[in-house]
Amino acid sequence: MTLTEFKATLSAPAPPPGSSAVLTALWHDARGGWDAAHGVAQDIDGPDGAWIHAYLHRKEGDEANAGYWYRRAGKPVASGSLEAEWDAIATTLLAQTD
């Protein structure tokens, strides 16, 4: 699935069938469901889950907590727009599912 195709699912009532937890978290966030996204992200182990967790706390405005999660993800603290970071995360994760 491409980023454009994934974004097209945002008008659907549920994430795409078979979506991984990481993509489900991003799907909820893009639809304004920060709490739902965070709930999913909390249960994802590994660097991908940590990256999403970092993004979500950055979006929330909790820079210290975001910094912790960026370190866990092995990623530099993002400084661009939230939209650009969401796109980068989604693009990376979608490429892993191909």
C-alpha atoms as a PDB file:
ATOM      1  CA  MET A   1       0.000   0.000   0.000  1.00  0.00           C
ATOM      2  CA  THR A   2       1.276   3.476  -0.820  1.00  0.00           C
ATOM      3  CA  LEU A   3       1.048   6.515   1.414  1.00  0.00           C
ATOM      4  CA  THR A   4      -1.669   7.937  -0.850  1.00  0.00           C
ATOM      5  CA  GLU A   5      -3.668   4.713  -0.628  1.00  0.00           C
ATOM      6  CA  PHE A   6      -3.247   4.616   3.153  1.00  0.00           C
ATOM      7  CA  LYS A   7      -4.414   8.210   3.486  1.00  0.00           C
ATOM      8  CA  ALA A   8      -7.456   7.370   1.353  1.00  0.00           C
ATOM      9  CA  THR A   9      -8.554   4.919   4.072  1.00  0.00           C
ATOM     10  CA  LEU A  10      -8.850   7.719   6.610  1.00  0.00           C
ATOM     11  CA  SER A  11     -12.462   8.308   5.579  1.00  0.00           C
ATOM     12  CA  ALA A  12     -13.358   4.684   6.353  1.00  0.00           C
ATOM     13  CA  PRO A  13     -14.930   3.765   9.699  1.00  0.00           C
ATOM     14  CA  ALA A  14     -12.075   1.402  10.606  1.00  0.00           C
ATOM     15  CA  PRO A  15      -8.397   0.904   9.751  1.00  0.00           C
ATOM     16  CA  PRO A  16      -7.653  -1.152   6.642  1.00  0.00           C
ATOM     17  CA  PRO A  17      -8.160  -4.882   7.223  1.00  0.00           C
ATOM     18  CA  GLY A  18      -4.970  -6.585   8.297  1.00  0.00           C
ATOM     19  CA  SER A  19      -3.260  -3.350   9.335  1.00  0.00           C
ATOM     20  CA  SER A  20      -0.355  -3.758  11.716  1.00  0.00           C
ATOM     21  CA  ALA A  21      -0.559  -2.128  15.130  1.00  0.00           C
ATOM     22  CA  VAL A  22       1.857   0.606  14.075  1.00  0.00           C
ATOM     23  CA  LEU A  23      -0.260   1.553  11.066  1.00  0.00           C
ATOM     24  CA  THR A  24      -3.429   1.328  13.150  1.00  0.00           C
ATOM     25  CA  ALA A  25      -1.954   3.812  15.628  1.00  0.00           C
ATOM     26  CA  LEU A  26      -1.089   6.234  12.821  1.00  0.00           C
ATOM     27  CA  TRP A  27      -4.544   5.764  11.279  1.00  0.00           C
ATOM     28  CA  HIS A  28      -6.248   6.733  14.551  1.00  0.00           C
ATOM     29  CA  ASP A  29      -3.983   9.730  15.003  1.00  0.00           C
ATOM     30  CA  ALA A  30      -4.653  11.035  11.506  1.00  0.00           C
ATOM     31  CA  ARG A  31      -8.375  10.886  12.222  1.00  0.00           C
ATOM     32  CA  GLY A  32      -8.002  12.990  15.371  1.00  0.00           C
ATOM     33  CA  GLY A  33      -7.964  10.030  17.731  1.00  0.00           C
ATOM     34  CA  TRP A  34      -4.843  10.827  19.751  1.00  0.00           C
ATOM     35  CA  ASP A  35      -6.021   8.780  22.739  1.00  0.00           C
ATOM     36  CA  ALA A  36      -6.811   5.751  20.578  1.00  0.00           C
ATOM     37  CA  ALA A  37      -3.456   6.088  18.802  1.00  0.00           C
ATOM     38  CA  HIS A  38      -1.610   6.362  22.099  1.00  0.00           C
ATOM     39  CA  GLY A  39      -3.458   3.353  23.493  1.00  0.00           C
ATOM     40  CA  VAL A  40      -2.321   1.254  20.541  1.00  0.00           C
ATOM     41  CA  ALA A  41       1.233   2.650  20.615  1.00  0.00           C
ATOM     42  CA  GLN A  42       1.657   1.785  24.287  1.00  0.00           C
ATOM     43  CA  ASP A  43       1.362  -1.899  23.435  1.00  0.00           C
ATOM     44  CA  ILE A  44       3.916  -1.883  20.590  1.00  0.00           C
ATOM     45  CA  ASP A  45       7.405  -3.022  21.517  1.00  0.00           C
ATOM     46  CA  GLY A  46      10.465  -2.073  19.533  1.00  0.00           C
ATOM     47  CA  PRO A  47      11.787   0.953  17.683  1.00  0.00           C
ATOM     48  CA  ASP A  48       8.745   1.446  15.424  1.00  0.00           C
ATOM     49  CA  GLY A  49       6.397   1.655  18.387  1.00  0.00           C
ATOM     50  CA  ALA A  50       8.799   3.991  20.155  1.00  0.00           C
ATOM     51  CA  TRP A  51       8.929   6.262  17.087  1.00  0.00           C
ATOM     52  CA  ILE A  52       5.156   6.536  16.992  1.00  0.00           C
ATOM     53  CA  HIS A  53       5.095   7.097  20.734  1.00  0.00           C
ATOM     54  CA  ALA A  54       7.674   9.891  20.329  1.00  0.00           C
ATOM     55  CA  TYR A  55       5.648  11.529  17.572  1.00  0.00           C
ATOM     56  CA  LEU A  56       2.459  11.370  19.643  1.00  0.00           C
ATOM     57  CA  HIS A  57       4.090  12.973  22.690  1.00  0.00           C
ATOM     58  CA  ARG A  58       5.658  15.644  20.478  1.00  0.00           C
ATOM     59  CA  LYS A  59       2.208  16.342  19.072  1.00  0.00           C
ATOM     60  CA  GLU A  60       0.859  16.521  22.609  1.00  0.00           C
ATOM     61  CA  GLY A  61       3.514  19.108  23.436  1.00  0.00           C
ATOM     62  CA  ASP A  62       5.360  16.909  25.948  1.00  0.00           C
ATOM     63  CA  GLU A  63       8.871  17.461  24.587  1.00  0.00           C
ATOM     64  CA  ALA A  64      10.675  15.712  27.462  1.00  0.00           C
ATOM     65  CA  ASN A  65       8.620  12.540  27.104  1.00  0.00           C
ATOM     66  CA  ALA A  66       8.946  12.719  23.322  1.00  0.00           C
ATOM     67  CA  GLY A  67      12.728  12.968  23.681  1.00  0.00           C
ATOM     68  CA  TYR A  68      12.771   9.793  25.766  1.00  0.00           C
ATOM     69  CA  TRP A  69      10.820   7.919  23.085  1.00  0.00           C
ATOM     70  CA  TYR A  70      12.972   9.270  20.241  1.00  0.00           C
ATOM     71  CA  ARG A  71      16.023   7.902  22.081  1.00  0.00           C
ATOM     72  CA  ARG A  72      14.290   4.528  22.493  1.00  0.00           C
ATOM     73  CA  ALA A  73      13.475   4.558  18.775  1.00  0.00           C
ATOM     74  CA  GLY A  74      17.052   5.428  17.839  1.00  0.00           C
ATOM     75  CA  LYS A  75      15.798   8.504  15.991  1.00  0.00           C
ATOM     76  CA  PRO A  76      16.807  12.148  16.259  1.00  0.00           C
ATOM     77  CA  VAL A  77      14.231  14.450  17.806  1.00  0.00           C
ATOM     78  CA  ALA A  78      12.058  15.680  14.953  1.00  0.00           C
ATOM     79  CA  SER A  79      11.993  19.393  14.267  1.00  0.00           C
ATOM     80  CA  GLY A  80       9.895  19.650  11.110  1.00  0.00           C
ATOM     81  CA  SER A  81       6.141  19.792  10.890  1.00  0.00           C
ATOM     82  CA  LEU A  82       4.021  17.124  12.539  1.00  0.00           C
ATOM     83  CA  GLU A  83       2.463  16.373   9.157  1.00  0.00           C
ATOM     84  CA  ALA A  84       5.872  15.746   7.591  1.00  0.00           C
ATOM     85  CA  GLU A  85       6.850  13.479  10.457  1.00  0.00           C
ATOM     86  CA  TRP A  86       3.585  11.508  10.219  1.00  0.00           C
ATOM     87  CA  ASP A  87       4.191  11.068   6.489  1.00  0.00           C
ATOM     88  CA  ALA A  88       7.777   9.910   7.108  1.00  0.00           C
ATOM     89  CA  ILE A  89       6.710   7.387   9.732  1.00  0.00           C
ATOM     90  CA  ALA A  90       3.840   6.084   7.606  1.00  0.00           C
ATOM     91  CA  THR A  91       6.025   5.835   4.481  1.00  0.00           C
ATOM     92  CA  THR A  92       8.686   3.900   6.375  1.00  0.00           C
ATOM     93  CA  LEU A  93       6.195   1.509   7.955  1.00  0.00           C
ATOM     94  CA  LEU A  94       4.273   0.956   4.741  1.00  0.00           C
ATOM     95  CA  ALA A  95       7.538   0.055   2.977  1.00  0.00           C
ATOM     96  CA  GLN A  96       8.151  -2.607   5.622  1.00  0.00           C
ATOM     97  CA  THR A  97       4.847  -4.302   4.790  1.00  0.00           C
ATOM     98  CA  ASP A  98       5.646  -4.782   1.090  1.00  0.00           C
END
